[in-house]
Protein backbone atom coordinates (compact mmCIF):
# COMPACT_ATOMS: atom_id res chain seq x y z
CA MET A 1 -105.58 113.52 46.63
CA ASP A 2 -109.25 113.08 46.01
CA ALA A 3 -109.21 110.21 48.46
CA VAL A 4 -107.96 112.63 51.16
CA LEU A 5 -110.57 115.16 50.25
CA GLU A 6 -113.27 112.44 50.49
CA TYR A 7 -111.96 111.35 53.88
CA VAL A 8 -111.84 114.87 55.43
CA THR A 9 -115.28 115.68 54.01
CA GLY A 10 -116.75 112.48 55.32
CA MET A 11 -115.26 113.01 58.84
CA ASN A 12 -116.68 116.61 58.76
CA ARG A 13 -114.49 117.71 61.54
CA PRO A 14 -111.10 119.53 61.83
CA LEU A 15 -108.13 117.17 61.17
CA ASN A 16 -104.42 117.63 60.98
CA ALA A 17 -101.89 115.83 58.73
CA THR A 18 -101.08 113.31 61.58
CA ASN A 19 -104.80 112.48 61.86
CA VAL A 20 -105.05 111.82 58.10
CA GLY A 21 -101.78 109.96 58.01
CA ASP A 22 -102.74 107.64 60.87
CA ALA A 23 -106.15 106.90 59.20
CA MET A 24 -104.91 106.45 55.55
CA GLY A 25 -101.47 105.02 56.19
CA ALA A 26 -102.50 101.60 55.12
CA ARG A 27 -103.55 103.13 51.82
CA GLY A 28 -100.15 104.60 51.26
CA VAL A 29 -100.80 108.13 52.46
CA LYS A 30 -98.37 108.75 55.31
CA LYS A 31 -98.14 112.00 57.37
CA GLY A 32 -95.70 113.80 54.83
CA LEU A 33 -97.91 112.98 51.85
CA ALA A 34 -100.97 113.76 53.72
CA GLN A 35 -99.58 117.29 54.58
CA LYS A 36 -98.85 117.87 50.89
CA TYR A 37 -102.28 116.81 49.74
CA LEU A 38 -103.95 118.93 52.43
CA ASP A 39 -102.01 121.99 51.56
CA ASN A 40 -102.87 121.54 47.84
CA LEU A 41 -106.54 121.15 48.61
CA ALA A 42 -106.60 124.19 50.76
CA GLU A 43 -104.68 126.25 48.09
CA GLY A 44 -107.17 125.06 45.45
CA GLY A 45 -110.16 126.22 47.69
CA ARG A 46 -111.43 122.69 48.16
CA LEU A 47 -110.76 122.74 51.89
CA ALA A 48 -110.65 125.33 54.65
CA PHE A 49 -107.96 125.51 57.16
CA LYS A 50 -106.76 127.49 60.22
CA GLU A 51 -103.68 127.43 62.36
CA SER A 52 -104.12 126.02 65.95
CA SER A 53 -102.53 127.51 69.05
CA GLY A 54 -100.70 125.59 71.56
CA LYS A 55 -97.25 124.33 72.35
CA THR A 56 -96.64 123.93 68.66
CA THR A 57 -98.57 125.64 65.79
CA GLN A 58 -100.33 123.22 63.46
CA LYS A 59 -102.68 123.59 60.59
CA VAL A 60 -106.05 121.86 60.91
CA TYR A 61 -108.23 121.27 57.85
CA TYR A 62 -112.00 121.04 57.57
CA PRO A 63 -114.63 120.86 54.73
CA ILE A 64 -115.84 124.09 53.32
CA GLN A 65 -119.52 124.75 54.33
CA ASP A 66 -120.92 126.34 51.25
CA GLY A 67 -123.38 129.16 51.86
CA GLU A 68 -122.66 129.07 55.62
CA VAL A 69 -121.14 131.89 57.58
CA MET A 70 -120.10 130.69 61.08
CA SER A 71 -120.98 132.89 64.01
CA ALA A 72 -118.44 133.88 66.68
CA GLU A 73 -119.94 131.16 68.98
CA GLU A 74 -119.65 128.58 66.35
CA LEU A 75 -115.97 129.58 65.68
CA LYS A 76 -115.38 129.31 69.30
CA MET A 77 -116.90 125.88 69.55
CA LEU A 78 -114.86 124.79 66.40
CA ASN A 79 -111.79 125.94 68.04
CA GLU A 80 -112.63 124.04 71.28
CA ARG A 81 -113.35 120.92 69.26
CA THR A 82 -110.03 121.30 67.40
CA LYS A 83 -108.11 121.54 70.72
CA THR A 84 -109.94 118.40 72.02
CA THR A 85 -109.11 116.53 68.81
CA MET A 86 -105.45 117.41 69.03
CA ALA A 87 -105.29 116.40 72.74
CA GLU A 88 -106.87 113.00 71.82
CA ALA A 89 -104.34 112.60 69.03
CA GLY A 90 -101.63 113.27 71.51
CA VAL A 91 -102.88 110.51 73.75
CA VAL A 92 -103.10 108.01 70.83
CA HIS A 93 -99.66 109.04 69.74
CA ASP A 94 -98.22 108.42 73.21
CA ALA A 95 -99.97 104.98 73.37
CA VAL A 96 -98.59 103.98 69.90
CA LYS A 97 -95.10 105.03 71.08
CA ALA A 98 -95.35 102.84 74.21
CA LEU A 99 -96.58 99.79 72.15
CA ARG A 100 -93.69 100.35 69.75
CA ALA A 101 -91.22 100.40 72.52
CA GLN A 102 -92.76 97.22 74.00
CA LEU A 103 -92.55 95.52 70.61
CA GLN A 104 -89.02 96.49 70.14
CA SER A 105 -88.05 95.04 73.74
CA LEU A 106 -89.67 91.78 72.64
CA LYS A 107 -87.76 91.78 69.33
CA GLU A 108 -84.57 92.30 71.33
CA ALA A 109 -85.34 89.48 73.82
CA SER A 110 -83.60 86.13 73.33
CA SER A 111 -85.25 83.93 70.66
CA VAL A 112 -86.13 80.31 71.31
CA GLU A 113 -83.16 79.18 69.42
CA ASP A 114 -80.80 81.33 71.63
CA MET A 115 -82.36 79.83 74.71
CA GLU A 116 -81.92 76.32 73.48
CA LYS A 117 -78.19 77.00 72.66
CA GLU A 118 -77.73 78.36 76.28
CA LEU A 119 -79.49 75.29 77.65
CA LYS A 120 -77.07 72.95 75.73
CA ALA A 121 -74.14 75.01 76.92
CA LEU A 122 -75.37 74.60 80.57
CA GLU A 123 -75.78 70.86 80.03
CA ALA A 124 -72.28 70.64 78.75
CA GLU A 125 -71.00 72.65 81.74
CA ASN A 126 -72.94 70.32 84.01
CA GLU A 127 -71.35 67.25 82.49
CA ALA A 128 -67.89 68.74 82.87
CA SER A 129 -68.69 69.45 86.53
CA GLN A 130 -69.92 65.91 87.04
CA SER A 131 -66.78 64.59 85.57
CA LYS A 132 -64.63 66.56 87.92
CA LEU A 133 -66.70 65.29 90.94
CA GLY A 134 -66.07 61.67 89.87
CA PRO A 135 -62.65 61.24 91.39
CA LEU A 136 -63.82 63.03 94.62
CA ARG A 137 -66.68 60.58 94.87
CA GLU A 138 -64.28 57.67 94.52
CA ARG A 139 -62.08 59.05 97.26
CA SER A 140 -65.14 59.42 99.55
CA ALA A 141 -66.32 55.88 98.89
CA ASN A 142 -62.80 54.62 99.71
CA GLY A 143 -62.90 56.40 103.07
CA ASP A 144 -60.31 59.04 101.97
CA VAL A 145 -60.63 62.25 103.96
CA ILE A 146 -61.31 65.44 102.00
CA THR A 147 -59.02 68.30 103.11
CA GLU A 148 -60.29 71.60 104.09
CA SER A 149 -58.74 73.11 100.92
CA ASP A 150 -60.52 70.48 98.79
CA ARG A 151 -63.77 71.31 100.58
CA VAL A 152 -63.57 74.95 99.95
CA LYS A 153 -62.67 74.36 96.30
CA ILE A 154 -65.69 72.06 95.92
CA GLU A 155 -68.04 74.55 97.50
CA ASP A 156 -66.64 77.44 95.46
CA ALA A 157 -67.16 75.49 92.25
CA PHE A 158 -70.66 74.57 93.34
CA LEU A 159 -71.67 78.11 94.28
CA LYS A 160 -70.28 79.42 90.98
CA ALA A 161 -72.15 76.87 88.93
CA MET A 162 -75.37 77.48 90.98
CA GLU A 163 -75.08 81.25 90.65
CA TYR A 164 -74.74 80.77 86.85
CA TRP A 165 -77.71 78.31 86.82
CA LEU A 166 -79.92 80.70 88.78
CA SER A 167 -79.01 83.67 86.69
CA ARG A 168 -79.80 81.97 83.40
CA ARG A 169 -82.95 80.44 84.90
CA LYS A 170 -84.15 83.87 85.86
CA ALA A 171 -83.22 85.30 82.53
CA PHE A 172 -85.19 82.60 80.74
CA ASN A 173 -88.19 83.01 82.91
CA ASN A 174 -88.19 86.78 82.24
CA VAL A 175 -88.06 86.36 78.46
CA PHE A 176 -90.71 83.64 78.55
CA GLU A 177 -93.06 85.80 80.64
CA ALA A 178 -92.39 88.81 78.30
CA VAL A 179 -93.19 86.62 75.18
CA LEU A 180 -96.25 85.25 76.99
CA GLU A 181 -97.43 88.76 77.81
CA GLY A 182 -96.69 89.98 74.25
CA THR A 183 -98.69 87.19 72.58
CA GLY A 184 -101.42 86.95 75.14
CA GLY A 185 -101.29 83.16 74.99
CA VAL A 186 -101.81 80.35 77.58
CA LYS A 187 -98.65 79.66 79.62
CA LYS A 188 -98.88 75.83 79.40
CA LYS A 189 -99.80 75.86 75.70
CA LEU A 190 -97.04 78.25 74.77
CA TRP A 191 -94.50 76.25 76.91
CA GLU A 192 -95.45 73.14 74.92
CA GLU A 193 -95.36 74.89 71.49
CA LEU A 194 -91.87 76.21 72.15
CA GLY A 195 -90.80 72.82 73.29
CA CYS A 196 -89.42 74.16 76.54
CA GLU A 197 -88.23 72.00 79.44
CA ASN A 198 -87.77 72.68 83.07
CA GLU A 199 -85.68 70.92 85.70
CA GLU A 200 -88.45 68.36 86.47
CA ASP A 201 -88.68 67.37 82.75
CA VAL A 202 -84.92 66.36 82.76
CA SER A 203 -85.03 64.72 86.27
CA ILE A 204 -83.22 67.38 88.04
CA ASP A 205 -84.34 68.15 91.63
CA TYR A 206 -84.16 71.95 91.59
CA ALA A 207 -85.47 72.27 95.19
CA LYS A 208 -82.66 70.00 96.47
CA TYR A 209 -79.93 71.97 94.82
CA ARG A 210 -81.40 75.27 95.75
CA LYS A 211 -81.58 74.28 99.39
CA ILE A 212 -78.00 73.11 99.35
CA TYR A 213 -76.99 76.44 97.70
CA ASP A 214 -79.01 78.55 100.20
CA ASP A 215 -77.69 76.55 103.21
CA LEU A 216 -74.09 76.85 101.94
CA LYS A 217 -74.45 80.63 101.37
CA ARG A 218 -75.88 80.95 104.84
CA GLN A 219 -73.02 78.95 106.23
CA ARG A 220 -70.43 81.07 104.43
CA LEU A 221 -72.07 84.25 105.86
CA ILE A 222 -71.86 82.92 109.37
CA GLU A 223 -68.21 81.91 109.01
CA MET A 224 -67.42 85.38 107.62
CA ARG A 225 -69.08 86.99 110.63
CA GLN A 226 -67.31 84.74 113.04
CA LYS A 227 -63.94 85.67 111.52
CA ARG A 228 -64.81 89.30 111.95
CA PHE A 229 -65.60 88.83 115.67
CA LYS A 230 -62.31 87.00 116.22
CA ARG A 231 -60.40 90.06 114.98
């Protein structure tokens, strides 16, 4: 309690329990305990206090000025200073709240281990897709004609795989950028520290597959419009 008295006396300005709790939280004096100590000090005549007016009524505490009688003008100035201090405290509180929300979102973001698991799952799915394409490639090499039904199935499978790939790629990039922003690190250095790999690192031509995907989506859209006109 003496530490609280020393802090308020040293600051020599009106303070509420939130101000004291924020300043002395690291020393184990949170807002609730600060309020208790401030009330005890005020009841013991070691601090003066007054109730501030505003949206919510709060007590503000300040050192007792022995031998001094404040004039009406000084009281008015003290009241204005109290209002300013409370407004500043509100701004700080809102900033802390926003930072805590940002920290929580980073904590909820996928960890590096989760992203590695997803990458392995995508690699396994890619291998499975490649094995399914094997027989079709052999038929093509032998001059066999792929039916319209087979073509549609192949295109559907490709579009589905690409959409999943693009979705996970976007999710990874969003998480990585959030981590980068939260840590304030250098992108290339953080990428290397996390051991991340992109398509180029594993010899995958992303631009090639993306072009095929975009062309196929465009062709599907054209075919759909043509069918509507025929109706």
